[in-house]
């Protein structure tokens, strides 16, 4: 029950943050699609805070959604670092 509430709260927080970053839901867009769009636009400090929080949620075994979100965030960071190497 507690994890369901946390997941619903997470969904609404991501949704509100997407609107703040001017990312609007499109028909058929899933929660994970919103997250993917959001992590591309977030600044490094925000990503660091969210990454720490997601790591804590994963350690507390809050569910696979948190694990997926952390994995996607880490992949996006690695991809960004790789593209910076290629540019520089």
Protein backbone atom coordinates (compact mmCIF):
# COMPACT_ATOMS: atom_id res chain seq x y z
CA UNK A 1 0.00 0.00 0.00
CA UNK A 2 2.76 2.43 0.97
CA UNK A 3 4.65 1.66 -2.25
CA UNK A 4 1.49 2.25 -4.32
CA UNK A 5 1.13 5.69 -2.77
CA UNK A 6 4.81 6.44 -3.43
CA UNK A 7 4.42 5.37 -7.05
CA UNK A 8 1.35 7.57 -7.57
CA UNK A 9 3.12 10.51 -5.97
CA UNK A 10 6.14 9.88 -8.21
CA UNK A 11 3.91 9.82 -11.29
CA UNK A 12 2.36 13.20 -10.45
CA UNK A 13 5.74 14.72 -9.60
CA UNK A 14 7.17 13.61 -12.94
CA UNK A 15 4.07 14.87 -14.74
CA UNK A 16 4.31 18.31 -13.07
CA UNK A 17 8.05 18.49 -13.75
CA UNK A 18 7.48 17.62 -17.40
CA UNK A 19 5.09 20.54 -17.73
CA UNK A 20 7.64 22.81 -16.02
CA UNK A 21 10.18 21.76 -18.66
CA UNK A 22 7.52 22.25 -21.37
CA UNK A 23 7.28 18.54 -22.11
CA UNK A 24 3.67 17.75 -22.90
CA UNK A 25 2.09 14.33 -22.88
CA UNK A 26 1.18 12.95 -26.25
CA UNK A 27 -1.42 10.24 -26.88
CA UNK A 28 0.03 6.85 -26.00
CA UNK A 29 2.90 8.33 -23.99
CA UNK A 30 3.71 6.20 -20.94
CA UNK A 31 5.19 7.22 -17.62
CA UNK A 32 8.58 5.88 -18.74
CA UNK A 33 8.31 7.87 -21.99
CA UNK A 34 7.77 11.02 -19.91
CA UNK A 35 10.77 10.13 -17.77
CA UNK A 36 12.97 9.59 -20.85
CA UNK A 37 12.00 13.00 -22.25
CA UNK A 38 12.56 14.66 -18.89
CA UNK A 39 16.03 13.31 -18.16
CA UNK A 40 17.31 14.68 -21.44
CA UNK A 41 16.30 18.22 -20.46
CA UNK A 42 17.23 18.24 -16.75
CA UNK A 43 20.36 19.95 -15.52
CA UNK A 44 23.18 17.95 -13.91
CA UNK A 45 22.42 19.07 -10.36
CA UNK A 46 18.80 17.98 -10.59
CA UNK A 47 19.85 14.66 -12.10
CA UNK A 48 22.30 14.09 -9.23
CA UNK A 49 19.60 14.70 -6.63
CA UNK A 50 17.13 12.43 -8.39
CA UNK A 51 19.76 9.75 -8.93
CA UNK A 52 20.56 9.69 -5.21
CA UNK A 53 16.87 9.46 -4.36
CA UNK A 54 16.26 6.69 -6.89
CA UNK A 55 19.24 4.74 -5.55
CA UNK A 56 17.68 4.96 -2.09
CA UNK A 57 14.31 3.83 -3.44
CA UNK A 58 15.94 0.86 -5.17
CA UNK A 59 17.76 -0.10 -1.97
CA UNK A 60 14.44 0.04 -0.14
CA UNK A 61 12.99 -2.26 -2.82
CA UNK A 62 10.18 0.11 -3.79
CA UNK A 63 9.60 -1.64 -7.11
CA UNK A 64 10.75 -2.16 -10.65
CA UNK A 65 9.60 1.27 -11.81
CA UNK A 66 12.21 2.92 -9.62
CA UNK A 67 14.84 0.49 -10.93
CA UNK A 68 13.90 1.28 -14.54
CA UNK A 69 14.03 5.00 -13.88
CA UNK A 70 17.49 4.73 -12.31
CA UNK A 71 18.75 2.56 -15.15
CA UNK A 72 17.47 5.00 -17.77
CA UNK A 73 19.02 7.94 -15.93
CA UNK A 74 22.39 6.18 -15.69
CA UNK A 75 22.26 5.23 -19.39
CA UNK A 76 21.45 8.80 -20.37
CA UNK A 77 24.37 10.09 -18.30
CA UNK A 78 26.74 7.56 -19.87
CA UNK A 79 25.50 8.42 -23.35
CA UNK A 80 25.99 12.13 -22.68
CA UNK A 81 29.53 11.57 -21.38
CA UNK A 82 30.36 9.46 -24.43
CA UNK A 83 29.08 12.15 -26.80
CA UNK A 84 31.16 14.76 -24.93
CA UNK A 85 34.28 12.60 -25.44
CA UNK A 86 33.59 12.38 -29.16
CA UNK A 87 33.10 16.14 -29.44
CA UNK A 88 36.11 17.08 -27.30
